């Protein structure tokens, strides 16, 4: 392993590796991680910073890495991929759709698609479209039976309940099926007395990049939400394109072990800087421990 940094604080292990994740992960055993969450370089975007991957070559570039993701992920684990198609010659490129199909062909189950809504997206337009205000968070698993802690991400029921639940009609106290024959049904009375409900698959978080020294840092709230949903304290989280270290900053306070990998040395330094300040390097082992 090249440029390996290990950290332990209150029995929490955090590691940063500098190198190609497809190579670094070969040193990890099978079925090691509970969650893989990452935002890889998007095709050709910020080419001067990442080196660039042509949209036509993106799937071929990604699949060898995905092979290692599959191997090191537990059967009960999840793989969350934050990605967005680029626009080329006035239309959306299909490389993300092609990647989804290729991952499915490789055995991954595409169980859900979460939408990250960027609530602070500033205005803008192009001749044939408007500014992007959302990105995909694709959820893949190896098995249909995977760990999911839905109660950990419940949200307040909302102001609608105060008025709606005080005026229940006859169709609100029984299961009322949709009249359009969609199969959708609801029983409003089920929410009486409840303070919290399950969220939707649309996640609204502000972007954070101006103070990260990284051009595409996702907000800490994004990996934090998925870490709560798909892992327990003491589980292992992997970000194979760790960038500025946001996943590390989210995982450690939640009591999860975490591994971050990045190809660029300057991003590895940023990721190390995301490790809590009370961790200090224990020379010459390269191990970090709690300072007092």
Protein backbone atom coordinates (compact mmCIF):
# COMPACT_ATOMS: atom_id res chain seq x y z
CA UNK A 1 0.00 0.00 0.00
CA UNK A 2 1.38 3.43 -0.90
CA UNK A 3 1.11 6.46 1.36
CA UNK A 4 -1.04 4.66 3.91
CA UNK A 5 -2.35 6.55 6.94
CA UNK A 6 -4.26 4.71 9.68
CA UNK A 7 -6.11 6.43 12.49
CA UNK A 8 -7.62 5.15 15.73
CA UNK A 9 -9.72 7.27 18.09
CA UNK A 10 -11.92 5.67 20.73
CA UNK A 11 -11.54 2.41 18.80
CA UNK A 12 -12.58 4.06 15.51
CA UNK A 13 -10.22 3.31 12.62
CA UNK A 14 -9.84 5.85 9.79
CA UNK A 15 -7.47 5.30 6.87
CA UNK A 16 -6.35 7.26 3.82
CA UNK A 17 -4.57 5.61 0.89
CA UNK A 18 -3.05 7.46 -2.04
CA UNK A 19 -3.25 5.46 -5.25
CA UNK A 20 -5.61 3.73 -7.67
CA UNK A 21 -8.53 2.24 -5.75
CA UNK A 22 -8.58 -0.82 -8.05
CA UNK A 23 -5.04 -1.60 -6.90
CA UNK A 24 -5.27 -0.47 -3.27
CA UNK A 25 -8.37 -2.55 -2.59
CA UNK A 26 -6.56 -5.74 -3.60
CA UNK A 27 -4.92 -5.57 -0.17
CA UNK A 28 -8.31 -5.73 1.55
CA UNK A 29 -10.09 -9.04 2.22
CA UNK A 30 -13.35 -10.17 0.66
CA UNK A 31 -16.61 -8.94 2.23
CA UNK A 32 -14.86 -6.31 4.38
CA UNK A 33 -16.97 -3.17 3.93
CA UNK A 34 -20.58 -2.51 4.93
CA UNK A 35 -21.03 0.58 2.72
CA UNK A 36 -19.28 2.03 -0.31
CA UNK A 37 -20.29 5.61 -0.98
CA UNK A 38 -18.52 7.81 -3.47
CA UNK A 39 -18.68 10.47 -6.14
CA UNK A 40 -16.23 9.52 -8.90
CA UNK A 41 -14.83 11.92 -11.48
CA UNK A 42 -17.55 12.65 -14.01
CA UNK A 43 -16.68 12.06 -17.65
CA UNK A 44 -14.32 14.75 -19.00
CA UNK A 45 -15.55 17.20 -16.38
CA UNK A 46 -12.77 19.35 -14.84
CA UNK A 47 -10.31 17.57 -17.09
CA UNK A 48 -7.37 19.66 -15.94
CA UNK A 49 -7.97 18.55 -12.33
CA UNK A 50 -8.78 14.86 -12.77
CA UNK A 51 -7.10 13.97 -16.05
CA UNK A 52 -10.46 13.34 -17.65
CA UNK A 53 -12.22 10.20 -18.83
CA UNK A 54 -13.94 10.36 -22.21
CA UNK A 55 -17.69 9.62 -21.96
CA UNK A 56 -17.32 6.83 -24.51
CA UNK A 57 -14.64 5.17 -22.36
CA UNK A 58 -16.25 5.78 -18.97
CA UNK A 59 -17.82 2.34 -18.49
CA UNK A 60 -14.63 0.57 -19.49
CA UNK A 61 -12.69 2.77 -17.05
CA UNK A 62 -15.12 2.18 -14.17
CA UNK A 63 -15.80 -1.56 -14.37
CA UNK A 64 -12.37 -2.82 -13.11
CA UNK A 65 -12.87 -0.67 -10.03
CA UNK A 66 -16.42 -1.98 -9.61
CA UNK A 67 -15.03 -5.53 -9.63
CA UNK A 68 -13.04 -4.69 -6.53
CA UNK A 69 -16.04 -2.91 -4.98
CA UNK A 70 -18.06 -6.10 -5.44
CA UNK A 71 -15.36 -8.26 -3.88
CA UNK A 72 -14.76 -6.14 -0.77
CA UNK A 73 -18.45 -5.37 -0.09
CA UNK A 74 -20.34 -7.58 2.32
CA UNK A 75 -23.39 -9.47 0.97
CA UNK A 76 -25.53 -7.27 3.25
CA UNK A 77 -23.79 -4.09 2.14
CA UNK A 78 -24.72 -1.20 -0.15
CA UNK A 79 -22.92 0.74 -2.86
CA UNK A 80 -24.10 4.35 -3.34
CA UNK A 81 -22.84 6.11 -6.46
CA UNK A 82 -23.29 9.88 -6.74
CA UNK A 83 -23.03 10.79 -10.42
CA UNK A 84 -24.57 13.01 -13.10
CA UNK A 85 -24.55 12.84 -16.88
CA UNK A 86 -22.72 15.59 -18.71
CA UNK A 87 -24.12 17.48 -21.68
CA UNK A 88 -22.32 16.95 -24.97
CA UNK A 89 -23.23 18.64 -28.25
CA UNK A 90 -26.51 19.88 -26.82
CA UNK A 91 -27.80 16.60 -25.37
CA UNK A 92 -27.30 14.48 -22.30
CA UNK A 93 -24.72 11.76 -22.76
CA UNK A 94 -25.82 8.21 -21.98
CA UNK A 95 -22.70 7.01 -20.14
CA UNK A 96 -24.46 6.90 -16.76
CA UNK A 97 -27.28 4.80 -18.20
CA UNK A 98 -24.71 2.58 -19.90
CA UNK A 99 -22.86 2.21 -16.60
CA UNK A 100 -26.05 1.21 -14.80
CA UNK A 101 -26.72 -1.49 -17.39
CA UNK A 102 -23.11 -2.69 -17.26
CA UNK A 103 -23.19 -2.93 -13.47
CA UNK A 104 -26.45 -4.87 -13.63
CA UNK A 105 -24.88 -7.23 -16.18
CA UNK A 106 -21.98 -7.72 -13.76
CA UNK A 107 -24.42 -8.86 -11.07
CA UNK A 108 -25.23 -5.68 -9.16
CA UNK A 109 -28.85 -5.06 -8.20
CA UNK A 110 -30.00 -1.49 -8.88
CA UNK A 111 -32.47 -1.24 -6.02
CA UNK A 112 -33.11 2.50 -5.82
CA UNK A 113 -32.26 5.93 -7.16
CA UNK A 114 -32.10 8.81 -4.71
CA UNK A 115 -32.12 12.38 -5.94
CA UNK A 116 -29.86 14.95 -4.30
CA UNK A 117 -31.66 18.28 -4.70
CA UNK A 118 -29.22 21.18 -4.40
CA UNK A 119 -31.33 23.71 -2.56
CA UNK A 120 -28.85 26.57 -2.96
CA UNK A 121 -28.32 26.18 -6.70
CA UNK A 122 -27.96 29.63 -8.23
CA UNK A 123 -29.90 30.69 -11.37
CA UNK A 124 -28.74 30.08 -14.92
CA UNK A 125 -29.85 28.79 -18.30
CA UNK A 126 -28.58 27.56 -21.63
CA UNK A 127 -30.25 27.81 -25.08
CA UNK A 128 -31.90 24.40 -24.74
CA UNK A 129 -31.96 23.63 -20.99
CA UNK A 130 -31.78 25.08 -17.47
CA UNK A 131 -29.15 24.82 -14.77
CA UNK A 132 -28.72 21.45 -13.05
CA UNK A 133 -30.15 21.50 -9.54
CA UNK A 134 -29.99 17.78 -8.78
CA UNK A 135 -27.74 14.74 -9.04
CA UNK A 136 -28.29 11.00 -8.95
CA UNK A 137 -27.37 8.83 -5.98
CA UNK A 138 -27.65 5.32 -7.39
CA UNK A 139 -28.09 2.53 -4.86
CA UNK A 140 -26.66 -0.88 -5.78
CA UNK A 141 -26.48 -4.06 -3.70
CA UNK A 142 -25.23 -7.63 -4.09
CA UNK A 143 -28.33 -9.13 -2.51
CA UNK A 144 -32.01 -8.34 -2.15
CA UNK A 145 -31.55 -8.76 1.60
CA UNK A 146 -29.36 -5.84 2.65
CA UNK A 147 -28.92 -3.78 5.81
CA UNK A 148 -31.20 -0.74 5.93
CA UNK A 149 -31.86 1.23 9.12
CA UNK A 150 -34.84 3.31 8.02
CA UNK A 151 -35.62 4.52 11.54
CA UNK A 152 -32.25 6.27 11.66
CA UNK A 153 -33.28 8.79 9.00
CA UNK A 154 -36.88 9.49 9.95
CA UNK A 155 -38.07 13.10 9.66
CA UNK A 156 -40.74 15.18 11.46
CA UNK A 157 -44.22 14.40 10.19
CA UNK A 158 -44.70 17.97 8.95
CA UNK A 159 -47.16 20.80 9.39
CA UNK A 160 -49.67 19.15 7.05
CA UNK A 161 -50.60 16.64 9.76
CA UNK A 162 -51.94 19.23 12.19
CA UNK A 163 -54.80 20.25 9.90
CA UNK A 164 -55.19 17.09 7.82
CA UNK A 165 -55.49 14.67 10.72
CA UNK A 166 -58.09 16.82 12.50
CA UNK A 167 -60.55 16.47 9.62
CA UNK A 168 -60.54 12.83 8.62
CA UNK A 169 -63.12 11.82 6.05
CA UNK A 170 -64.63 8.39 5.48
CA UNK A 171 -61.88 7.52 2.98
CA UNK A 172 -59.17 8.47 5.47
CA UNK A 173 -59.86 5.82 8.11
CA UNK A 174 -59.62 2.82 5.77
CA UNK A 175 -57.24 1.89 2.99
CA UNK A 176 -58.39 4.03 0.08
CA UNK A 177 -57.14 2.80 -3.29
CA UNK A 178 -56.37 5.20 -6.10
CA UNK A 179 -59.26 5.68 -8.51
CA UNK A 180 -56.96 5.61 -11.51
CA UNK A 181 -56.19 1.94 -10.95
CA UNK A 182 -52.50 2.47 -10.21
CA UNK A 183 -52.54 0.14 -7.22
CA UNK A 184 -51.52 2.97 -4.89
CA UNK A 185 -53.46 3.12 -1.64
CA UNK A 186 -53.33 5.10 1.58
CA UNK A 187 -54.80 5.20 5.05
CA UNK A 188 -54.34 8.71 6.45
CA UNK A 189 -55.46 7.58 9.92
CA UNK A 190 -52.26 5.54 10.23
CA UNK A 191 -50.38 8.78 10.93
CA UNK A 192 -52.46 9.81 13.96
CA UNK A 193 -50.20 10.51 16.93
CA UNK A 194 -46.98 10.09 14.97
CA UNK A 195 -44.23 12.69 15.29
CA UNK A 196 -41.82 11.17 12.76
CA UNK A 197 -42.27 9.53 9.36
CA UNK A 198 -40.03 7.93 6.77
CA UNK A 199 -38.41 10.33 4.28
CA UNK A 200 -38.80 10.31 0.51
CA UNK A 201 -36.04 9.44 -1.94
CA UNK A 202 -35.44 13.15 -2.65
CA UNK A 203 -32.69 14.53 -0.41
CA UNK A 204 -32.40 18.30 -0.12
CA UNK A 205 -28.94 19.46 0.90
CA UNK A 206 -26.99 22.61 0.10
CA UNK A 207 -23.78 22.27 -1.89
CA UNK A 208 -20.46 22.84 -0.12
CA UNK A 209 -17.31 23.47 -2.11
CA UNK A 210 -16.06 27.03 -1.66
CA UNK A 211 -13.93 26.21 1.38
CA UNK A 212 -12.91 22.66 0.51
CA UNK A 213 -10.08 23.35 -1.96
CA UNK A 214 -11.78 20.75 -4.12
CA UNK A 215 -13.98 21.53 -7.15
CA UNK A 216 -16.64 18.87 -6.60
CA UNK A 217 -17.04 18.19 -2.89
CA UNK A 218 -20.44 16.91 -1.91
CA UNK A 219 -21.96 18.20 1.35
CA UNK A 220 -21.19 16.33 4.55
CA UNK A 221 -24.93 15.78 5.06
CA UNK A 222 -25.06 13.55 1.97
CA UNK A 223 -22.71 10.74 3.04
CA UNK A 224 -23.88 11.21 6.62
CA UNK A 225 -27.47 10.37 5.60
CA UNK A 226 -26.48 7.21 3.75
CA UNK A 227 -24.08 6.12 6.51
CA UNK A 228 -26.93 6.34 9.03
CA UNK A 229 -29.28 4.48 6.69
CA UNK A 230 -27.05 1.60 5.61
CA UNK A 231 -24.64 1.00 8.51
CA UNK A 232 -24.42 0.55 12.27
CA UNK A 233 -21.80 1.95 14.66
CA UNK A 234 -18.60 -0.04 14.25
CA UNK A 235 -19.24 -0.85 10.58
CA UNK A 236 -16.74 -0.13 7.82
CA UNK A 237 -17.32 2.60 5.19
CA UNK A 238 -15.31 3.03 1.99
CA UNK A 239 -14.98 6.06 -0.28
CA UNK A 240 -12.73 4.99 -3.19
CA UNK A 241 -12.66 8.52 -4.67
CA UNK A 242 -12.42 10.35 -1.36
CA UNK A 243 -11.45 13.79 -2.67
CA UNK A 244 -11.55 16.36 0.11
CA UNK A 245 -12.40 13.74 2.74
CA UNK A 246 -16.05 14.57 3.31
CA UNK A 247 -16.98 10.92 3.83
CA UNK A 248 -14.27 10.59 6.47
CA UNK A 249 -15.52 13.71 8.25
CA UNK A 250 -19.04 12.25 8.24
CA UNK A 251 -18.19 8.68 9.25
CA UNK A 252 -15.87 9.18 12.25
CA UNK A 253 -18.30 11.21 14.44
CA UNK A 254 -20.95 8.56 13.72
CA UNK A 255 -18.69 5.85 15.13
CA UNK A 256 -17.96 4.12 11.84
CA UNK A 257 -14.58 2.90 10.64
CA UNK A 258 -13.70 4.50 7.32
CA UNK A 259 -11.27 4.10 4.44
CA UNK A 260 -10.65 6.81 1.85
CA UNK A 261 -8.67 6.39 -1.37
CA UNK A 262 -7.67 8.95 -3.96
CA UNK A 263 -5.27 9.00 -6.89
CA UNK A 264 -4.14 12.60 -6.47
CA UNK A 265 -1.70 13.31 -3.62
CA UNK A 266 -3.15 16.77 -2.96
CA UNK A 267 -6.60 15.28 -2.38
CA UNK A 268 -5.10 12.65 -0.08
CA UNK A 269 -3.70 15.51 1.98
CA UNK A 270 -7.15 17.11 2.08
CA UNK A 271 -8.65 13.81 3.19
CA UNK A 272 -6.09 13.48 5.97
CA UNK A 273 -6.98 17.00 7.08
CA UNK A 274 -10.60 15.84 7.49
CA UNK A 275 -9.53 13.48 10.25
CA UNK A 276 -10.45 14.88 13.69
CA UNK A 277 -7.78 17.13 15.18
CA UNK A 278 -7.47 15.11 18.39
CA UNK A 279 -5.86 12.27 16.44
CA UNK A 280 -2.06 12.40 16.33
CA UNK A 281 0.51 10.40 14.38
CA UNK A 282 2.34 7.75 16.32
CA UNK A 283 5.80 7.50 14.70
CA UNK A 284 7.18 5.50 13.03
CA UNK A 285 4.25 3.14 12.55
CA UNK A 286 2.06 5.55 10.60
CA UNK A 287 -0.72 4.91 13.12
CA UNK A 288 -2.78 7.77 14.53
CA UNK A 289 -4.12 7.64 18.10
CA UNK A 290 -6.18 9.84 20.38
CA UNK A 291 -4.16 12.67 21.90
CA UNK A 292 -5.00 12.34 25.58
